[in-house]
């Protein structure tokens, strides 16, 4: 989901951080080959959705000023 679709940037970031932490805890106990397979599948899914990812990123870049992001922060979105 693009941040442009979320009106509360702080809440969005906190939610993403919580989910990332939960995923890291879950992955910590997974054996190597299973992690590698997950990474391969994740990479394939990302490659298959490049257009969607780039479209969402463009919306984020366009919305950045309305969230009070600095020019440097907006540059990082690009």
PDB file of N, CA and C in Angstrom:
ATOM      1  N   UNK A   1       0.841  -1.170   0.000  1.00  0.00           N
ATOM      2  CA  UNK A   1       0.000   0.000   0.000  1.00  0.00           C
ATOM      3  C   UNK A   1       0.891   1.240   0.000  1.00  0.00           C
ATOM      4  N   UNK A   2       0.574   2.178  -0.839  1.00  0.00           N
ATOM      5  CA  UNK A   2       1.318   3.431  -0.896  1.00  0.00           C
ATOM      6  C   UNK A   2       0.971   4.287   0.318  1.00  0.00           C
ATOM      7  N   UNK A   3       1.961   4.988   0.825  1.00  0.00           N
ATOM      8  CA  UNK A   3       1.717   5.874   1.961  1.00  0.00           C
ATOM      9  C   UNK A   3       0.708   6.951   1.581  1.00  0.00           C
ATOM     10  N   UNK A   4       0.641   7.282   0.291  1.00  0.00           N
ATOM     11  CA  UNK A   4      -0.320   8.292  -0.150  1.00  0.00           C
ATOM     12  C   UNK A   4      -1.745   7.875   0.178  1.00  0.00           C
ATOM     13  N   UNK A   5      -1.978   6.581   0.379  1.00  0.00           N
ATOM     14  CA  UNK A   5      -3.308   6.098   0.719  1.00  0.00           C
ATOM     15  C   UNK A   5      -3.558   6.113   2.222  1.00  0.00           C
ATOM     16  N   UNK A   6      -2.552   6.436   3.011  1.00  0.00           N
ATOM     17  CA  UNK A   6      -2.660   6.475   4.470  1.00  0.00           C
ATOM     18  C   UNK A   6      -2.556   7.930   4.933  1.00  0.00           C
ATOM     19  N   UNK A   7      -3.575   8.455   5.586  1.00  0.00           N
ATOM     20  CA  UNK A   7      -3.518   9.860   5.990  1.00  0.00           C
ATOM     21  C   UNK A   7      -2.584  10.130   7.176  1.00  0.00           C
ATOM     22  N   UNK A   8      -2.230   9.122   7.952  1.00  0.00           N
ATOM     23  CA  UNK A   8      -1.416   9.326   9.147  1.00  0.00           C
ATOM     24  C   UNK A   8      -0.049   8.661   8.967  1.00  0.00           C
ATOM     25  N   UNK A   9       0.944   9.447   8.548  1.00  0.00           N
ATOM     26  CA  UNK A   9       2.268   8.914   8.244  1.00  0.00           C
ATOM     27  C   UNK A   9       2.909   8.247   9.454  1.00  0.00           C
ATOM     28  N   UNK A  10       2.800   8.857  10.627  1.00  0.00           N
ATOM     29  CA  UNK A  10       3.405   8.277  11.830  1.00  0.00           C
ATOM     30  C   UNK A  10       2.802   6.910  12.132  1.00  0.00           C
ATOM     31  N   UNK A  11       1.480   6.802  12.082  1.00  0.00           N
ATOM     32  CA  UNK A  11       0.819   5.532  12.364  1.00  0.00           C
ATOM     33  C   UNK A  11       1.197   4.479  11.329  1.00  0.00           C
ATOM     34  N   UNK A  12       1.269   4.891  10.081  1.00  0.00           N
ATOM     35  CA  UNK A  12       1.665   3.971   9.007  1.00  0.00           C
ATOM     36  C   UNK A  12       3.069   3.420   9.274  1.00  0.00           C
ATOM     37  N   UNK A  13       4.007   4.296   9.610  1.00  0.00           N
ATOM     38  CA  UNK A  13       5.381   3.875   9.874  1.00  0.00           C
ATOM     39  C   UNK A  13       5.467   2.954  11.085  1.00  0.00           C
ATOM     40  N   UNK A  14       4.726   3.273  12.139  1.00  0.00           N
ATOM     41  CA  UNK A  14       4.709   2.409  13.315  1.00  0.00           C
ATOM     42  C   UNK A  14       4.151   1.029  12.984  1.00  0.00           C
ATOM     43  N   UNK A  15       3.112   0.990  12.168  1.00  0.00           N
ATOM     44  CA  UNK A  15       2.519  -0.286  11.780  1.00  0.00           C
ATOM     45  C   UNK A  15       3.501  -1.119  10.954  1.00  0.00           C
ATOM     46  N   UNK A  16       4.167  -0.498  10.006  1.00  0.00           N
ATOM     47  CA  UNK A  16       5.154  -1.208   9.184  1.00  0.00           C
ATOM     48  C   UNK A  16       6.289  -1.734  10.062  1.00  0.00           C
ATOM     49  N   UNK A  17       6.752  -0.918  10.996  1.00  0.00           N
ATOM     50  CA  UNK A  17       7.835  -1.338  11.889  1.00  0.00           C
ATOM     51  C   UNK A  17       7.412  -2.519  12.762  1.00  0.00           C
ATOM     52  N   UNK A  18       6.195  -2.486  13.283  1.00  0.00           N
ATOM     53  CA  UNK A  18       5.702  -3.599  14.110  1.00  0.00           C
ATOM     54  C   UNK A  18       5.615  -4.892  13.300  1.00  0.00           C
ATOM     55  N   UNK A  19       5.107  -4.776  12.080  1.00  0.00           N
ATOM     56  CA  UNK A  19       4.991  -5.973  11.244  1.00  0.00           C
ATOM     57  C   UNK A  19       6.361  -6.502  10.845  1.00  0.00           C
ATOM     58  N   UNK A  20       7.306  -5.618  10.576  1.00  0.00           N
ATOM     59  CA  UNK A  20       8.664  -6.053  10.231  1.00  0.00           C
ATOM     60  C   UNK A  20       9.324  -6.757  11.413  1.00  0.00           C
ATOM     61  N   UNK A  21       9.118  -6.226  12.599  1.00  0.00           N
ATOM     62  CA  UNK A  21       9.690  -6.851  13.788  1.00  0.00           C
ATOM     63  C   UNK A  21       9.092  -8.237  14.006  1.00  0.00           C
ATOM     64  N   UNK A  22       7.780  -8.349  13.879  1.00  0.00           N
ATOM     65  CA  UNK A  22       7.125  -9.649  14.052  1.00  0.00           C
ATOM     66  C   UNK A  22       7.646 -10.650  13.020  1.00  0.00           C
ATOM     67  N   UNK A  23       7.843 -10.206  11.797  1.00  0.00           N
ATOM     68  CA  UNK A  23       8.362 -11.095  10.757  1.00  0.00           C
ATOM     69  C   UNK A  23       9.789 -11.518  11.066  1.00  0.00           C
ATOM     70  N   UNK A  24      10.595 -10.608  11.575  1.00  0.00           N
ATOM     71  CA  UNK A  24      11.985 -10.956  11.883  1.00  0.00           C
ATOM     72  C   UNK A  24      12.058 -11.980  13.006  1.00  0.00           C
ATOM     73  N   UNK A  25      11.171 -11.855  13.981  1.00  0.00           N
ATOM     74  CA  UNK A  25      11.125 -12.831  15.076  1.00  0.00           C
ATOM     75  C   UNK A  25      10.727 -14.200  14.532  1.00  0.00           C
ATOM     76  N   UNK A  26       9.717 -14.218  13.666  1.00  0.00           N
ATOM     77  CA  UNK A  26       9.257 -15.483  13.087  1.00  0.00           C
ATOM     78  C   UNK A  26      10.335 -16.125  12.222  1.00  0.00           C
ATOM     79  N   UNK A  27      11.064 -15.322  11.468  1.00  0.00           N
ATOM     80  CA  UNK A  27      12.090 -15.857  10.571  1.00  0.00           C
ATOM     81  C   UNK A  27      13.358 -16.290  11.298  1.00  0.00           C
ATOM     82  N   UNK A  28      13.569 -15.796  12.492  1.00  0.00           N
ATOM     83  CA  UNK A  28      14.805 -16.112  13.220  1.00  0.00           C
ATOM     84  C   UNK A  28      14.971 -17.608  13.461  1.00  0.00           C
ATOM     85  N   UNK A  29      13.878 -18.314  13.627  1.00  0.00           N
ATOM     86  CA  UNK A  29      13.969 -19.741  13.922  1.00  0.00           C
ATOM     87  C   UNK A  29      13.810 -20.646  12.710  1.00  0.00           C
ATOM     88  N   UNK A  30      13.708 -20.064  11.528  1.00  0.00           N
ATOM     89  CA  UNK A  30      13.492 -20.858  10.320  1.00  0.00           C
ATOM     90  C   UNK A  30      14.835 -21.307   9.749  1.00  0.00           C
ATOM     91  N   UNK A  31      14.895 -22.560   9.291  1.00  0.00           N
ATOM     92  CA  UNK A  31      16.156 -23.094   8.760  1.00  0.00           C
ATOM     93  C   UNK A  31      16.526 -22.408   7.442  1.00  0.00           C
ATOM     94  N   UNK A  32      17.797 -22.468   7.115  1.00  0.00           N
ATOM     95  CA  UNK A  32      18.370 -21.739   5.985  1.00  0.00           C
ATOM     96  C   UNK A  32      17.702 -21.968   4.648  1.00  0.00           C
ATOM     97  N   UNK A  33      17.477 -23.226   4.265  1.00  0.00           N
ATOM     98  CA  UNK A  33      16.908 -23.487   2.937  1.00  0.00           C
ATOM     99  C   UNK A  33      15.492 -22.939   2.819  1.00  0.00           C
ATOM    100  N   UNK A  34      14.727 -23.013   3.890  1.00  0.00           N
ATOM    101  CA  UNK A  34      13.375 -22.466   3.854  1.00  0.00           C
ATOM    102  C   UNK A  34      13.419 -20.944   3.688  1.00  0.00           C
ATOM    103  N   UNK A  35      14.349 -20.292   4.386  1.00  0.00           N
ATOM    104  CA  UNK A  35      14.513 -18.843   4.221  1.00  0.00           C
ATOM    105  C   UNK A  35      14.905 -18.514   2.782  1.00  0.00           C
ATOM    106  N   UNK A  36      15.825 -19.301   2.219  1.00  0.00           N
ATOM    107  CA  UNK A  36      16.260 -19.053   0.844  1.00  0.00           C
ATOM    108  C   UNK A  36      15.100 -19.190  -0.138  1.00  0.00           C
ATOM    109  N   UNK A  37      14.265 -20.192   0.063  1.00  0.00           N
ATOM    110  CA  UNK A  37      13.105 -20.380  -0.809  1.00  0.00           C
ATOM    111  C   UNK A  37      12.145 -19.210  -0.672  1.00  0.00           C
ATOM    112  N   UNK A  38      11.937 -18.759   0.557  1.00  0.00           N
ATOM    113  CA  UNK A  38      11.073 -17.593   0.771  1.00  0.00           C
ATOM    114  C   UNK A  38      11.636 -16.371   0.047  1.00  0.00           C
ATOM    115  N   UNK A  39      12.946 -16.175   0.135  1.00  0.00           N
ATOM    116  CA  UNK A  39      13.577 -15.038  -0.543  1.00  0.00           C
ATOM    117  C   UNK A  39      13.422 -15.144  -2.063  1.00  0.00           C
ATOM    118  N   UNK A  40      13.601 -16.333  -2.611  1.00  0.00           N
ATOM    119  CA  UNK A  40      13.436 -16.524  -4.057  1.00  0.00           C
ATOM    120  C   UNK A  40      12.000 -16.202  -4.485  1.00  0.00           C
ATOM    121  N   UNK A  41      11.036 -16.704  -3.724  1.00  0.00           N
ATOM    122  CA  UNK A  41       9.633 -16.435  -4.058  1.00  0.00           C
ATOM    123  C   UNK A  41       9.297 -14.950  -3.914  1.00  0.00           C
ATOM    124  N   UNK A  42       9.831 -14.317  -2.887  1.00  0.00           N
ATOM    125  CA  UNK A  42       9.587 -12.885  -2.680  1.00  0.00           C
ATOM    126  C   UNK A  42      10.170 -12.075  -3.833  1.00  0.00           C
ATOM    127  N   UNK A  43      11.377 -12.417  -4.252  1.00  0.00           N
ATOM    128  CA  UNK A  43      12.012 -11.716  -5.370  1.00  0.00           C
ATOM    129  C   UNK A  43      11.197 -11.888  -6.648  1.00  0.00           C
ATOM    130  N   UNK A  44      10.712 -13.098  -6.895  1.00  0.00           N
ATOM    131  CA  UNK A  44       9.904 -13.351  -8.093  1.00  0.00           C
ATOM    132  C   UNK A  44       8.612 -12.536  -8.063  1.00  0.00           C
ATOM    133  N   UNK A  45       7.991 -12.468  -6.889  1.00  0.00           N
ATOM    134  CA  UNK A  45       6.746 -11.696  -6.776  1.00  0.00           C
ATOM    135  C   UNK A  45       7.002 -10.212  -6.982  1.00  0.00           C
ATOM    136  N   UNK A  46       8.107  -9.710  -6.445  1.00  0.00           N
ATOM    137  CA  UNK A  46       8.440  -8.299  -6.658  1.00  0.00           C
ATOM    138  C   UNK A  46       8.687  -8.015  -8.141  1.00  0.00           C
ATOM    139  N   UNK A  47       9.449  -8.900  -8.801  1.00  0.00           N
ATOM    140  CA  UNK A  47       9.720  -8.702 -10.225  1.00  0.00           C
ATOM    141  C   UNK A  47       8.428  -8.734 -11.039  1.00  0.00           C
ATOM    142  N   UNK A  48       7.480  -9.557 -10.648  1.00  0.00           N
ATOM    143  CA  UNK A  48       6.228  -9.655 -11.403  1.00  0.00           C
ATOM    144  C   UNK A  48       5.319  -8.445 -11.187  1.00  0.00           C
ATOM    145  N   UNK A  49       5.631  -7.647 -10.168  1.00  0.00           N
ATOM    146  CA  UNK A  49       4.762  -6.498  -9.852  1.00  0.00           C
ATOM    147  C   UNK A  49       5.517  -5.170  -9.904  1.00  0.00           C
ATOM    148  N   UNK A  50       6.564  -5.109 -10.725  1.00  0.00           N
ATOM    149  CA  UNK A  50       7.377  -3.893 -10.823  1.00  0.00           C
ATOM    150  C   UNK A  50       6.514  -2.672 -11.130  1.00  0.00           C
ATOM    151  N   UNK A  51       5.619  -2.791 -12.086  1.00  0.00           N
ATOM    152  CA  UNK A  51       4.780  -1.644 -12.465  1.00  0.00           C
ATOM    153  C   UNK A  51       3.944  -1.158 -11.288  1.00  0.00           C
ATOM    154  N   UNK A  52       3.375  -2.090 -10.515  1.00  0.00           N
ATOM    155  CA  UNK A  52       2.574  -1.713  -9.345  1.00  0.00           C
ATOM    156  C   UNK A  52       3.421  -0.994  -8.295  1.00  0.00           C
ATOM    157  N   UNK A  53       4.623  -1.509  -8.052  1.00  0.00           N
ATOM    158  CA  UNK A  53       5.521  -0.911  -7.062  1.00  0.00           C
ATOM    159  C   UNK A  53       5.919   0.497  -7.497  1.00  0.00           C
ATOM    160  N   UNK A  54       6.271   0.657  -8.772  1.00  0.00           N
ATOM    161  CA  UNK A  54       6.672   1.974  -9.268  1.00  0.00           C
ATOM    162  C   UNK A  54       5.510   2.968  -9.237  1.00  0.00           C
ATOM    163  N   UNK A  55       4.308   2.508  -9.527  1.00  0.00           N
ATOM    164  CA  UNK A  55       3.128   3.381  -9.466  1.00  0.00           C
ATOM    165  C   UNK A  55       2.867   3.832  -8.030  1.00  0.00           C
ATOM    166  N   UNK A  56       2.950   2.897  -7.089  1.00  0.00           N
ATOM    167  CA  UNK A  56       2.755   3.253  -5.675  1.00  0.00           C
ATOM    168  C   UNK A  56       3.829   4.219  -5.210  1.00  0.00           C
ATOM    169  N   UNK A  57       5.066   4.011  -5.645  1.00  0.00           N
ATOM    170  CA  UNK A  57       6.153   4.909  -5.252  1.00  0.00           C
ATOM    171  C   UNK A  57       5.930   6.311  -5.819  1.00  0.00           C
ATOM    172  N   UNK A  58       5.464   6.395  -7.050  1.00  0.00           N
ATOM    173  CA  UNK A  58       5.183   7.700  -7.640  1.00  0.00           C
ATOM    174  C   UNK A  58       4.125   8.438  -6.828  1.00  0.00           C
ATOM    175  N   UNK A  59       3.082   7.717  -6.411  1.00  0.00           N
ATOM    176  CA  UNK A  59       2.056   8.353  -5.557  1.00  0.00           C
ATOM    177  C   UNK A  59       2.670   8.844  -4.246  1.00  0.00           C
ATOM    178  N   UNK A  60       3.560   8.057  -3.668  1.00  0.00           N
ATOM    179  CA  UNK A  60       4.222   8.461  -2.429  1.00  0.00           C
ATOM    180  C   UNK A  60       5.052   9.719  -2.630  1.00  0.00           C
ATOM    181  N   UNK A  61       5.813   9.764  -3.714  1.00  0.00           N
ATOM    182  CA  UNK A  61       6.652  10.941  -4.003  1.00  0.00           C
ATOM    183  C   UNK A  61       5.769  12.172  -4.190  1.00  0.00           C
ATOM    184  N   UNK A  62       4.677  12.015  -4.919  1.00  0.00           N
ATOM    185  CA  UNK A  62       3.776  13.145  -5.149  1.00  0.00           C
ATOM    186  C   UNK A  62       3.100  13.616  -3.864  1.00  0.00           C
ATOM    187  N   UNK A  63       2.820  12.702  -2.950  1.00  0.00           N
ATOM    188  CA  UNK A  63       2.151  13.049  -1.697  1.00  0.00           C
ATOM    189  C   UNK A  63       3.110  13.549  -0.630  1.00  0.00           C
ATOM    190  N   UNK A  64       4.406  13.343  -0.818  1.00  0.00           N
ATOM    191  CA  UNK A  64       5.401  13.660   0.216  1.00  0.00           C
ATOM    192  C   UNK A  64       5.270  15.076   0.778  1.00  0.00           C
ATOM    193  N   UNK A  65       5.105  16.099  -0.051  1.00  0.00           N
ATOM    194  CA  UNK A  65       5.003  17.452   0.523  1.00  0.00           C
ATOM    195  C   UNK A  65       3.826  17.604   1.491  1.00  0.00           C
ATOM    196  N   UNK A  66       2.728  16.906   1.246  1.00  0.00           N
ATOM    197  CA  UNK A  66       1.568  17.042   2.128  1.00  0.00           C
ATOM    198  C   UNK A  66       1.797  16.394   3.489  1.00  0.00           C
ATOM    199  N   UNK A  67       2.846  15.560   3.602  1.00  0.00           N
ATOM    200  CA  UNK A  67       3.200  14.938   4.872  1.00  0.00           C
ATOM    201  C   UNK A  67       4.305  15.714   5.579  1.00  0.00           C
ATOM    202  N   UNK A  68       4.723  16.826   4.992  1.00  0.00           N
ATOM    203  CA  UNK A  68       5.754  17.646   5.609  1.00  0.00           C
ATOM    204  C   UNK A  68       7.158  17.077   5.459  1.00  0.00           C
ATOM    205  N   UNK A  69       7.362  16.183   4.502  1.00  0.00           N
ATOM    206  CA  UNK A  69       8.693  15.616   4.305  1.00  0.00           C
ATOM    207  C   UNK A  69       9.619  16.645   3.661  1.00  0.00           C
ATOM    208  N   UNK A  70      10.860  16.624   4.074  1.00  0.00           N
ATOM    209  CA  UNK A  70      11.847  17.538   3.506  1.00  0.00           C
ATOM    210  C   UNK A  70      12.179  17.110   2.083  1.00  0.00           C
ATOM    211  N   UNK A  71      12.881  17.980   1.363  1.00  0.00           N
ATOM    212  CA  UNK A  71      13.317  17.634   0.006  1.00  0.00           C
ATOM    213  C   UNK A  71      14.217  16.397   0.038  1.00  0.00           C
ATOM    214  N   UNK A  72      15.077  16.302   1.054  1.00  0.00           N
ATOM    215  CA  UNK A  72      15.972  15.145   1.171  1.00  0.00           C
ATOM    216  C   UNK A  72      15.179  13.859   1.399  1.00  0.00           C
ATOM    217  N   UNK A  73      14.166  13.915   2.237  1.00  0.00           N
ATOM    218  CA  UNK A  73      13.348  12.727   2.495  1.00  0.00           C
ATOM    219  C   UNK A  73      12.580  12.331   1.233  1.00  0.00           C
ATOM    220  N   UNK A  74      12.087  13.318   0.506  1.00  0.00           N
ATOM    221  CA  UNK A  74      11.384  13.038  -0.739  1.00  0.00           C
ATOM    222  C   UNK A  74      12.335  12.417  -1.751  1.00  0.00           C
ATOM    223  N   UNK A  75      13.570  12.915  -1.793  1.00  0.00           N
ATOM    224  CA  UNK A  75      14.583  12.340  -2.691  1.00  0.00           C
ATOM    225  C   UNK A  75      14.792  10.866  -2.396  1.00  0.00           C
ATOM    226  N   UNK A  76      14.799  10.487  -1.124  1.00  0.00           N
ATOM    227  CA  UNK A  76      14.987   9.073  -0.769  1.00  0.00           C
ATOM    228  C   UNK A  76      13.840   8.206  -1.274  1.00  0.00           C
ATOM    229  N   UNK A  77      12.643   8.768  -1.375  1.00  0.00           N
ATOM    230  CA  UNK A  77      11.523   8.014  -1.936  1.00  0.00           C
ATOM    231  C   UNK A  77      11.728   7.731  -3.416  1.00  0.00           C
ATOM    232  N   UNK A  78      12.408   8.665  -4.095  1.00  0.00           N
ATOM    233  CA  UNK A  78      12.663   8.467  -5.524  1.00  0.00           C
ATOM    234  C   UNK A  78      13.629   7.345  -5.710  1.00  0.00           C
TER     235      UNK A  78
END
